[in-house]
C-alpha atoms as a PDB file:
ATOM      1  CA  MET A   1       0.000   0.000   0.000  1.00  0.00           C
ATOM      2  CA  ALA A   2       1.372   3.404  -0.959  1.00  0.00           C
ATOM      3  CA  VAL A   3       1.471   6.063   1.724  1.00  0.00           C
ATOM      4  CA  ALA A   4       0.111   9.436   0.675  1.00  0.00           C
ATOM      5  CA  THR A   5       2.189  12.229   2.125  1.00  0.00           C
ATOM      6  CA  TRP A   6       2.085  15.966   1.643  1.00  0.00           C
ATOM      7  CA  SER A   7       4.754  18.491   2.466  1.00  0.00           C
ATOM      8  CA  GLN A   8       4.002  21.855   4.011  1.00  0.00           C
ATOM      9  CA  GLU A   9       6.054  23.551   1.302  1.00  0.00           C
ATOM     10  CA  ALA A  10       4.569  26.009  -1.166  1.00  0.00           C
ATOM     11  CA  PRO A  11       1.594  24.711  -3.178  1.00  0.00           C
ATOM     12  CA  GLY A  12       2.677  23.026  -6.378  1.00  0.00           C
ATOM     13  CA  GLY A  13       6.076  22.020  -4.956  1.00  0.00           C
ATOM     14  CA  ALA A  14       7.654  18.633  -5.688  1.00  0.00           C
ATOM     15  CA  ALA A  15       6.343  16.973  -2.511  1.00  0.00           C
ATOM     16  CA  ALA A  16       2.811  18.296  -3.111  1.00  0.00           C
ATOM     17  CA  LYS A  17       2.899  16.949  -6.672  1.00  0.00           C
ATOM     18  CA  ALA A  18       4.141  13.573  -5.428  1.00  0.00           C
ATOM     19  CA  GLY A  19       1.366  13.505  -2.830  1.00  0.00           C
ATOM     20  CA  ALA A  20      -1.189  14.380  -5.483  1.00  0.00           C
ATOM     21  CA  ARG A  21       0.082  11.494  -7.644  1.00  0.00           C
ATOM     22  CA  ASP A  22      -0.253   9.104  -4.676  1.00  0.00           C
ATOM     23  CA  LEU A  23      -3.798  10.265  -4.007  1.00  0.00           C
ATOM     24  CA  ALA A  24      -4.751  10.247  -7.675  1.00  0.00           C
ATOM     25  CA  ALA A  25      -3.749   6.588  -7.758  1.00  0.00           C
ATOM     26  CA  GLY A  26      -6.340   5.939  -5.039  1.00  0.00           C
ATOM     27  CA  HIS A  27      -7.013   7.564  -1.698  1.00  0.00           C
ATOM     28  CA  HIS A  28      -5.889   5.621   1.331  1.00  0.00           C
ATOM     29  CA  ASN A  29      -7.630   5.301   4.681  1.00  0.00           C
ATOM     30  CA  LEU A  30     -10.599   7.532   3.885  1.00  0.00           C
ATOM     31  CA  GLN A  31     -13.211   6.290   6.335  1.00  0.00           C
ATOM     32  CA  VAL A  32     -15.738   9.128   6.329  1.00  0.00           C
ATOM     33  CA  LEU A  33     -15.072  11.092   3.161  1.00  0.00           C
ATOM     34  CA  PRO A  34     -16.067   9.401  -0.107  1.00  0.00           C
ATOM     35  CA  ALA A  35     -13.442   6.985  -1.449  1.00  0.00           C
ATOM     36  CA  ASP A  36     -13.920   8.435  -4.950  1.00  0.00           C
ATOM     37  CA  ILE A  37     -13.380  12.062  -3.880  1.00  0.00           C
ATOM     38  CA  SER A  38     -11.209  13.909  -6.403  1.00  0.00           C
ATOM     39  CA  VAL A  39      -7.853  15.343  -5.384  1.00  0.00           C
ATOM     40  CA  PRO A  40      -8.995  18.972  -5.898  1.00  0.00           C
ATOM     41  CA  VAL A  41     -12.165  18.424  -3.843  1.00  0.00           C
ATOM     42  CA  LEU A  42     -10.198  16.658  -1.086  1.00  0.00           C
ATOM     43  CA  ALA A  43      -7.670  19.511  -0.988  1.00  0.00           C
ATOM     44  CA  ARG A  44     -10.458  22.143  -0.772  1.00  0.00           C
ATOM     45  CA  THR A  45     -12.213  20.138   1.941  1.00  0.00           C
ATOM     46  CA  MET A  46      -9.042  19.905   4.044  1.00  0.00           C
ATOM     47  CA  LYS A  47      -8.342  23.640   3.559  1.00  0.00           C
ATOM     48  CA  ARG A  48     -11.862  24.406   4.763  1.00  0.00           C
ATOM     49  CA  TYR A  49     -11.310  22.293   7.894  1.00  0.00           C
ATOM     50  CA  GLU A  50      -8.048  24.175   8.514  1.00  0.00           C
ATOM     51  CA  ARG A  51      -9.816  27.534   8.166  1.00  0.00           C
ATOM     52  CA  ASP A  52     -12.881  26.545  10.190  1.00  0.00           C
ATOM     53  CA  LEU A  53     -10.730  25.284  13.084  1.00  0.00           C
ATOM     54  CA  GLY A  54      -7.799  27.691  12.753  1.00  0.00           C
ATOM     55  CA  VAL A  55      -5.307  24.811  12.609  1.00  0.00           C
ATOM     56  CA  GLY A  56      -2.789  23.312  10.191  1.00  0.00           C
ATOM     57  CA  CYS A  57      -2.573  19.797   8.771  1.00  0.00           C
ATOM     58  CA  SER A  58      -0.424  18.593  11.669  1.00  0.00           C
ATOM     59  CA  TYR A  59      -3.332  19.138  14.057  1.00  0.00           C
ATOM     60  CA  CYS A  60      -4.837  15.812  12.887  1.00  0.00           C
ATOM     61  CA  HIS A  61      -2.042  14.254  10.831  1.00  0.00           C
ATOM     62  CA  VAL A  62       1.258  12.998  12.244  1.00  0.00           C
ATOM     63  CA  GLU A  63       4.683  13.840  10.931  1.00  0.00           C
ATOM     64  CA  ASN A  64       6.920  11.022   9.744  1.00  0.00           C
ATOM     65  CA  ARG A  65       9.946  11.475  12.006  1.00  0.00           C
ATOM     66  CA  ALA A  66      12.316  10.043   9.405  1.00  0.00           C
ATOM     67  CA  THR A  67      11.246  12.245   6.480  1.00  0.00           C
ATOM     68  CA  GLY A  68       9.667  15.254   8.208  1.00  0.00           C
ATOM     69  CA  GLU A  69       6.653  14.921   5.893  1.00  0.00           C
ATOM     70  CA  LEU A  70       3.083  14.502   7.077  1.00  0.00           C
ATOM     71  CA  ASP A  71       1.686  10.984   6.929  1.00  0.00           C
ATOM     72  CA  TYR A  72      -1.943  11.447   5.933  1.00  0.00           C
ATOM     73  CA  VAL A  73      -2.692   7.722   6.147  1.00  0.00           C
ATOM     74  CA  SER A  74      -1.624   7.197   9.765  1.00  0.00           C
ATOM     75  CA  ASP A  75      -4.271   7.011  12.487  1.00  0.00           C
ATOM     76  CA  GLU A  76      -1.685   7.639  15.231  1.00  0.00           C
ATOM     77  CA  ASN A  77      -3.110  11.050  16.187  1.00  0.00           C
ATOM     78  CA  PRO A  78      -6.359  10.625  18.188  1.00  0.00           C
ATOM     79  CA  LYS A  79      -7.593  13.994  16.887  1.00  0.00           C
ATOM     80  CA  LYS A  80      -8.043  12.348  13.490  1.00  0.00           C
ATOM     81  CA  GLU A  81     -10.686  10.001  14.917  1.00  0.00           C
ATOM     82  CA  THR A  82     -12.364  12.951  16.634  1.00  0.00           C
ATOM     83  CA  ALA A  83     -12.453  14.720  13.270  1.00  0.00           C
ATOM     84  CA  ARG A  84     -14.083  11.679  11.662  1.00  0.00           C
ATOM     85  CA  ILE A  85     -16.784  11.637  14.335  1.00  0.00           C
ATOM     86  CA  MET A  86     -17.413  15.358  13.921  1.00  0.00           C
ATOM     87  CA  ILE A  87     -17.576  15.079  10.109  1.00  0.00           C
ATOM     88  CA  SER A  88     -20.133  12.278  10.474  1.00  0.00           C
ATOM     89  CA  MET A  89     -22.123  14.426  12.889  1.00  0.00           C
ATOM     90  CA  LEU A  90     -22.192  17.313  10.389  1.00  0.00           C
ATOM     91  CA  ASP A  91     -23.288  14.994   7.600  1.00  0.00           C
ATOM     92  CA  ASP A  92     -26.088  13.720   9.817  1.00  0.00           C
ATOM     93  CA  ILE A  93     -27.225  17.233  10.766  1.00  0.00           C
ATOM     94  CA  ASN A  94     -27.168  18.502   7.195  1.00  0.00           C
ATOM     95  CA  GLU A  95     -28.429  15.471   5.293  1.00  0.00           C
ATOM     96  CA  ARG A  96     -30.914  14.060   7.772  1.00  0.00           C
ATOM     97  CA  HIS A  97     -32.161  16.803  10.025  1.00  0.00           C
ATOM     98  CA  LEU A  98     -31.898  20.061   8.074  1.00  0.00           C
ATOM     99  CA  ALA A  99     -33.162  18.296   4.952  1.00  0.00           C
ATOM    100  CA  ARG A 100     -36.429  17.633   6.817  1.00  0.00           C
ATOM    101  CA  MET A 101     -36.971  21.362   7.300  1.00  0.00           C
ATOM    102  CA  GLY A 102     -38.298  21.615   3.745  1.00  0.00           C
ATOM    103  CA  GLY A 103     -38.016  24.953   2.022  1.00  0.00           C
ATOM    104  CA  ASP A 104     -37.507  27.011   5.187  1.00  0.00           C
ATOM    105  CA  GLN A 105     -34.720  29.400   4.148  1.00  0.00           C
ATOM    106  CA  ARG A 106     -33.534  29.819   7.733  1.00  0.00           C
ATOM    107  CA  TYR A 107     -32.049  26.330   7.398  1.00  0.00           C
ATOM    108  CA  ALA A 108     -30.792  26.567   3.803  1.00  0.00           C
ATOM    109  CA  ALA A 109     -27.132  27.088   4.737  1.00  0.00           C
ATOM    110  CA  ALA A 110     -25.270  23.922   5.674  1.00  0.00           C
ATOM    111  CA  VAL A 111     -23.787  23.595   9.138  1.00  0.00           C
ATOM    112  CA  THR A 112     -19.971  23.514   8.918  1.00  0.00           C
ATOM    113  CA  CYS A 113     -17.150  23.015  11.389  1.00  0.00           C
ATOM    114  CA  GLY A 114     -16.866  26.805  11.462  1.00  0.00           C
ATOM    115  CA  SER A 115     -20.484  27.162  12.603  1.00  0.00           C
ATOM    116  CA  CYS A 116     -19.382  26.131  16.088  1.00  0.00           C
ATOM    117  CA  HIS A 117     -15.586  26.341  16.057  1.00  0.00           C
ATOM    118  CA  GLN A 118     -15.474  29.865  14.614  1.00  0.00           C
ATOM    119  CA  GLY A 119     -11.825  29.531  13.592  1.00  0.00           C
ATOM    120  CA  ARG A 120     -10.687  27.956  16.876  1.00  0.00           C
ATOM    121  CA  ALA A 121      -9.472  24.414  17.583  1.00  0.00           C
ATOM    122  CA  SER A 122     -11.932  24.189  20.485  1.00  0.00           C
ATOM    123  CA  PRO A 123     -15.336  25.816  20.050  1.00  0.00           C
ATOM    124  CA  PRO A 124     -15.781  28.895  22.218  1.00  0.00           C
ATOM    125  CA  ALA A 125     -18.283  28.681  25.045  1.00  0.00           C
ATOM    126  CA  PHE A 126     -21.758  29.815  24.113  1.00  0.00           C
ATOM    127  CA  GLU A 127     -22.781  33.153  25.555  1.00  0.00           C
ATOM    128  CA  GLY A 128     -26.488  33.869  25.225  1.00  0.00           C
ATOM    129  CA  ARG A 129     -27.793  37.285  24.366  1.00  0.00           C
ATOM    130  CA  ARG A 130     -28.498  39.593  27.229  1.00  0.00           C
ATOM    131  CA  GLN A 131     -32.167  40.426  27.520  1.00  0.00           C
END
């Protein structure tokens, strides 16, 4: 099994291109995201998670100590499993619950990681409006 790795170098660099080739040959260890997700869609999805949580790739993915590159296949970091659970929760909210709201425009926008996390690794505590 090939290991898909990405470097944190500038986009389009040699390591990024090698990682894209690995992923194009078939994604590895995708348990929640669709196995047939395209490389561009996967990259955009991961960038959105980074933005929504205010973190970098290494928040969920471990670094290979020998090469210094991120190992996207490894499940060594427990935050990766947490992310999978949270992604499944969002899918459930959006596809099962909000879909039942019919045409009500108040619920037209999908719930995202950023809806709660607001650019932070841990969601801020809710503070209700003062009456």
